[in-house]
Amino acid sequence: MLYTIAVVLIILWLIGMVSAYTIGGFIHVLLVIAVIMILLRLISGRGI
């Protein structure tokens, strides 16, 4: 579930890069959250 949310956030970030620059900052914040969630999951030992 957590991995799926992270993938969705990364896809939204990619869409944000090619669409509006006004919401770009928000999309980048979502990307950072997604990366942190993936790293925490890997560090906790559960893997993907």
N, C-alpha and C. Protein backbone atom coordinates (compact mmCIF):
# COMPACT_ATOMS: atom_id res chain seq x y z
N MET A 1 0.82 -1.20 0.00
CA MET A 1 0.00 0.00 0.00
C MET A 1 0.86 1.26 0.00
N LEU A 2 1.86 1.28 0.86
CA LEU A 2 2.74 2.44 0.96
C LEU A 2 3.51 2.64 -0.34
N TYR A 3 3.95 1.53 -0.93
CA TYR A 3 4.69 1.61 -2.19
C TYR A 3 3.80 2.14 -3.31
N THR A 4 2.55 1.75 -3.32
CA THR A 4 1.61 2.21 -4.34
C THR A 4 1.40 3.71 -4.23
N ILE A 5 1.25 4.21 -3.03
CA ILE A 5 1.09 5.65 -2.82
C ILE A 5 2.32 6.40 -3.32
N ALA A 6 3.49 5.87 -3.04
CA ALA A 6 4.72 6.51 -3.48
C ALA A 6 4.79 6.56 -5.01
N VAL A 7 4.41 5.49 -5.67
CA VAL A 7 4.43 5.45 -7.13
C VAL A 7 3.45 6.47 -7.70
N VAL A 8 2.27 6.57 -7.10
CA VAL A 8 1.28 7.54 -7.56
C VAL A 8 1.82 8.96 -7.40
N LEU A 9 2.48 9.24 -6.29
CA LEU A 9 3.04 10.57 -6.07
C LEU A 9 4.13 10.89 -7.09
N ILE A 10 4.95 9.90 -7.44
CA ILE A 10 5.99 10.12 -8.44
C ILE A 10 5.37 10.39 -9.80
N ILE A 11 4.31 9.67 -10.15
CA ILE A 11 3.63 9.91 -11.43
C ILE A 11 3.02 11.31 -11.46
N LEU A 12 2.41 11.72 -10.35
CA LEU A 12 1.86 13.07 -10.28
C LEU A 12 2.95 14.12 -10.43
N TRP A 13 4.13 13.85 -9.86
CA TRP A 13 5.24 14.77 -9.99
C TRP A 13 5.67 14.90 -11.44
N LEU A 14 5.76 13.77 -12.14
CA LEU A 14 6.14 13.82 -13.56
C LEU A 14 5.11 14.58 -14.38
N ILE A 15 3.84 14.39 -14.09
CA ILE A 15 2.79 15.14 -14.80
C ILE A 15 2.93 16.64 -14.50
N GLY A 16 3.23 16.95 -13.26
CA GLY A 16 3.39 18.35 -12.87
C GLY A 16 4.57 19.03 -13.57
N MET A 17 5.60 18.25 -13.89
CA MET A 17 6.76 18.83 -14.57
C MET A 17 6.42 19.27 -15.98
N VAL A 18 5.50 18.58 -16.64
CA VAL A 18 5.18 18.91 -18.02
C VAL A 18 3.93 19.78 -18.14
N SER A 19 3.23 20.01 -17.03
CA SER A 19 2.01 20.82 -17.12
C SER A 19 2.24 22.21 -16.54
N ALA A 20 1.57 22.54 -15.46
CA ALA A 20 1.60 23.90 -14.92
C ALA A 20 2.80 24.11 -14.00
N TYR A 21 3.38 25.29 -14.10
CA TYR A 21 4.49 25.63 -13.21
C TYR A 21 3.97 26.13 -11.88
N THR A 22 2.71 26.51 -11.80
CA THR A 22 2.17 27.09 -10.57
C THR A 22 2.03 26.05 -9.47
N ILE A 23 1.72 24.81 -9.83
CA ILE A 23 1.59 23.77 -8.81
C ILE A 23 2.86 22.93 -8.73
N GLY A 24 3.90 23.34 -9.43
CA GLY A 24 5.15 22.58 -9.44
C GLY A 24 5.76 22.42 -8.06
N GLY A 25 5.69 23.46 -7.24
CA GLY A 25 6.24 23.38 -5.89
C GLY A 25 5.54 22.34 -5.06
N PHE A 26 4.22 22.29 -5.17
CA PHE A 26 3.43 21.30 -4.42
C PHE A 26 3.77 19.89 -4.87
N ILE A 27 3.92 19.71 -6.17
CA ILE A 27 4.24 18.39 -6.71
C ILE A 27 5.63 17.95 -6.23
N HIS A 28 6.58 18.88 -6.16
CA HIS A 28 7.91 18.53 -5.68
C HIS A 28 7.88 18.13 -4.21
N VAL A 29 7.04 18.77 -3.42
CA VAL A 29 6.89 18.38 -2.02
C VAL A 29 6.35 16.95 -1.94
N LEU A 30 5.38 16.63 -2.79
CA LEU A 30 4.84 15.27 -2.82
C LEU A 30 5.91 14.26 -3.21
N LEU A 31 6.78 14.64 -4.14
CA LEU A 31 7.86 13.74 -4.56
C LEU A 31 8.80 13.47 -3.39
N VAL A 32 9.16 14.51 -2.65
CA VAL A 32 10.04 14.33 -1.50
C VAL A 32 9.40 13.40 -0.48
N ILE A 33 8.11 13.56 -0.24
CA ILE A 33 7.40 12.68 0.69
C ILE A 33 7.44 11.24 0.19
N ALA A 34 7.24 11.05 -1.12
CA ALA A 34 7.25 9.70 -1.69
C ALA A 34 8.62 9.05 -1.52
N VAL A 35 9.68 9.80 -1.78
CA VAL A 35 11.04 9.26 -1.66
C VAL A 35 11.33 8.90 -0.20
N ILE A 36 10.92 9.75 0.73
CA ILE A 36 11.14 9.48 2.15
C ILE A 36 10.39 8.21 2.56
N MET A 37 9.16 8.04 2.06
CA MET A 37 8.40 6.83 2.41
C MET A 37 9.09 5.58 1.88
N ILE A 38 9.62 5.64 0.65
CA ILE A 38 10.32 4.48 0.10
C ILE A 38 11.57 4.18 0.91
N LEU A 39 12.33 5.20 1.27
CA LEU A 39 13.55 5.00 2.05
C LEU A 39 13.24 4.42 3.42
N LEU A 40 12.21 4.93 4.07
CA LEU A 40 11.85 4.40 5.39
C LEU A 40 11.43 2.94 5.29
N ARG A 41 10.74 2.60 4.23
CA ARG A 41 10.32 1.20 4.06
C ARG A 41 11.52 0.30 3.83
N LEU A 42 12.48 0.77 3.02
CA LEU A 42 13.68 -0.03 2.77
C LEU A 42 14.52 -0.17 4.03
N ILE A 43 14.66 0.91 4.79
CA ILE A 43 15.47 0.89 6.01
C ILE A 43 14.83 -0.01 7.06
N SER A 44 13.50 -0.03 7.12
CA SER A 44 12.82 -0.84 8.12
C SER A 44 12.96 -2.34 7.83
N GLY A 45 13.43 -2.70 6.65
CA GLY A 45 13.73 -4.09 6.35
C GLY A 45 12.61 -4.84 5.66
N ARG A 46 11.53 -4.19 5.34
CA ARG A 46 10.43 -4.88 4.67
C ARG A 46 10.67 -5.05 3.18
N GLY A 47 11.43 -4.16 2.60
CA GLY A 47 11.67 -4.22 1.16
C GLY A 47 10.46 -3.75 0.38
N ILE A 48 10.57 -3.83 -0.92
CA ILE A 48 9.47 -3.35 -1.79
C ILE A 48 8.64 -4.54 -2.19
